[in-house]
Amino acid sequence: MNTSTTNPQIFDFCFPELDTLVQVEAADGAVVIRASRDTFSEIRRQRFIRELAAEGFIPDQYQWLGSAAPGIAGGVRWLVDASCFQPGPTRIAETRRFMFRLLGAGGLLWLLLISMLVARHV
């Protein structure tokens, strides 16, 4: 049985100029980086990993490792996976309920205002 000895540290980054979201997960000596789009070149990936290590988001050992294989940069696994950035079914249901309530309240307010306008001119 494989059990995690440490809690994973998860950090989210946004790159609006690239229209990309990035999630960095560091746990049990492994680092997984998930990007919403494949907009990072190999050089930019290595620079980003060095920045993460320099800022203390991931262990320093990853700072100067070279690229091992496609998708794996210096022992860091790089995935392009937009699904982890999508809202879950619970969040979608909450948002839908909120929007129905908001539209219903707006409709009732509109009806109240129109009825007041008509009653005033009769």
Protein backbone atom coordinates (compact mmCIF):
# COMPACT_ATOMS: atom_id res chain seq x y z
CA MET A 1 0.00 0.00 0.00
CA ASN A 2 1.43 3.38 -1.06
CA THR A 3 0.59 6.14 1.34
CA SER A 4 1.52 9.76 1.14
CA THR A 5 3.77 10.81 4.00
CA THR A 6 3.41 14.52 3.37
CA ASN A 7 0.50 16.68 2.34
CA PRO A 8 0.81 17.84 -1.24
CA GLN A 9 1.53 21.50 -1.73
CA ILE A 10 -0.52 22.91 -4.61
CA PHE A 11 0.14 26.31 -6.14
CA ASP A 12 -1.84 27.96 -8.94
CA PHE A 13 -0.38 30.42 -11.42
CA CYS A 14 -1.99 32.44 -14.19
CA PHE A 15 -0.25 33.63 -17.35
CA PRO A 16 -2.78 35.95 -19.04
CA GLU A 17 -0.42 36.86 -21.89
CA LEU A 18 -0.29 33.16 -22.81
CA ASP A 19 -3.93 32.47 -21.86
CA THR A 20 -2.66 29.63 -19.68
CA LEU A 21 -3.33 28.44 -16.14
CA VAL A 22 -0.64 26.41 -14.37
CA GLN A 23 -0.96 24.25 -11.26
CA VAL A 24 2.18 23.05 -9.46
CA GLU A 25 1.88 20.09 -7.09
CA ALA A 26 4.85 19.08 -4.95
CA ALA A 27 4.52 15.97 -2.76
CA ASP A 28 6.70 13.03 -1.72
CA GLY A 29 9.75 14.26 -3.64
CA ALA A 30 7.84 14.47 -6.93
CA VAL A 31 6.73 17.58 -8.74
CA VAL A 32 3.85 17.61 -11.22
CA ILE A 33 3.05 20.71 -13.24
CA ARG A 34 -0.30 20.84 -15.03
CA ALA A 35 -0.92 23.49 -17.68
CA SER A 36 -4.25 24.29 -19.29
CA ARG A 37 -2.61 24.79 -22.70
CA ASP A 38 0.64 23.81 -24.38
CA THR A 39 2.07 27.33 -24.64
CA PHE A 40 5.43 26.87 -22.89
CA SER A 41 8.53 26.12 -24.94
CA GLU A 42 11.13 23.76 -23.50
CA ILE A 43 13.37 26.70 -22.57
CA ARG A 44 10.47 28.54 -20.91
CA ARG A 45 9.60 25.38 -18.97
CA GLN A 46 13.14 25.12 -17.63
CA ARG A 47 13.12 28.80 -16.66
CA PHE A 48 9.77 28.40 -14.92
CA ILE A 49 11.08 25.40 -12.94
CA ARG A 50 14.16 27.39 -11.92
CA GLU A 51 11.93 30.27 -10.81
CA LEU A 52 9.77 27.89 -8.77
CA ALA A 53 12.83 26.45 -7.04
CA ALA A 54 14.37 29.88 -6.45
CA GLU A 55 11.14 31.13 -4.87
CA GLY A 56 10.78 28.03 -2.67
CA PHE A 57 7.69 26.50 -4.26
CA ILE A 58 9.54 23.27 -5.08
CA PRO A 59 12.75 21.75 -3.62
CA ASP A 60 16.04 23.33 -4.72
CA GLN A 61 17.27 20.06 -6.24
CA TYR A 62 15.10 20.68 -9.32
CA GLN A 63 16.64 24.07 -10.06
CA TRP A 64 19.60 22.92 -12.18
CA LEU A 65 18.47 19.56 -13.55
CA GLY A 66 18.30 19.28 -17.32
CA SER A 67 15.48 17.92 -19.39
CA ALA A 68 15.16 14.15 -19.05
CA ALA A 69 12.45 13.36 -21.63
CA PRO A 70 9.57 15.02 -23.44
CA GLY A 71 6.99 16.01 -20.85
CA ILE A 72 9.52 15.52 -18.05
CA ALA A 73 11.81 18.46 -17.43
CA GLY A 74 14.56 17.76 -14.91
CA GLY A 75 12.56 15.18 -12.97
CA VAL A 76 9.52 17.41 -13.00
CA ARG A 77 6.53 15.89 -14.77
CA TRP A 78 4.86 18.42 -17.09
CA LEU A 79 1.28 17.68 -18.18
CA VAL A 80 -1.08 19.58 -20.44
CA ASP A 81 -4.43 18.89 -18.80
CA ALA A 82 -7.23 21.46 -18.85
CA SER A 83 -9.65 19.18 -16.97
CA CYS A 84 -8.19 20.01 -13.55
CA PHE A 85 -9.15 23.66 -14.10
CA GLN A 86 -12.81 22.88 -14.90
CA PRO A 87 -15.41 23.39 -12.17
CA GLY A 88 -16.87 20.25 -10.63
CA PRO A 89 -20.54 19.23 -10.74
CA THR A 90 -21.21 20.68 -7.28
CA ARG A 91 -19.87 24.09 -8.27
CA ILE A 92 -21.87 24.03 -11.52
CA ALA A 93 -25.09 23.22 -9.61
CA GLU A 94 -24.44 26.01 -7.08
CA THR A 95 -23.83 28.51 -9.87
CA ARG A 96 -26.95 27.42 -11.74
CA ARG A 97 -29.11 27.84 -8.60
CA PHE A 98 -27.62 31.26 -7.94
CA MET A 99 -28.29 32.42 -11.51
CA PHE A 100 -31.91 31.18 -11.44
CA ARG A 101 -32.48 33.05 -8.17
CA LEU A 102 -30.82 36.18 -9.53
CA LEU A 103 -32.84 36.12 -12.75
CA GLY A 104 -36.06 35.38 -10.83
CA ALA A 105 -35.46 38.27 -8.43
CA GLY A 106 -34.66 40.56 -11.37
CA GLY A 107 -37.86 39.49 -13.13
CA LEU A 108 -39.96 40.10 -10.02
CA LEU A 109 -38.38 43.53 -9.54
CA TRP A 110 -39.08 44.39 -13.19
CA LEU A 111 -42.73 43.30 -12.80
CA LEU A 112 -43.05 45.37 -9.62
CA LEU A 113 -41.63 48.46 -11.33
CA ILE A 114 -43.83 48.05 -14.42
CA SER A 115 -46.95 47.55 -12.27
CA MET A 116 -46.11 50.67 -10.27
CA LEU A 117 -45.64 52.61 -13.51
CA VAL A 118 -48.98 51.41 -14.90
CA ALA A 119 -50.83 51.99 -11.61
CA ARG A 120 -49.45 55.52 -11.42
CA HIS A 121 -50.78 56.44 -14.89
CA VAL A 122 -54.25 54.89 -14.49
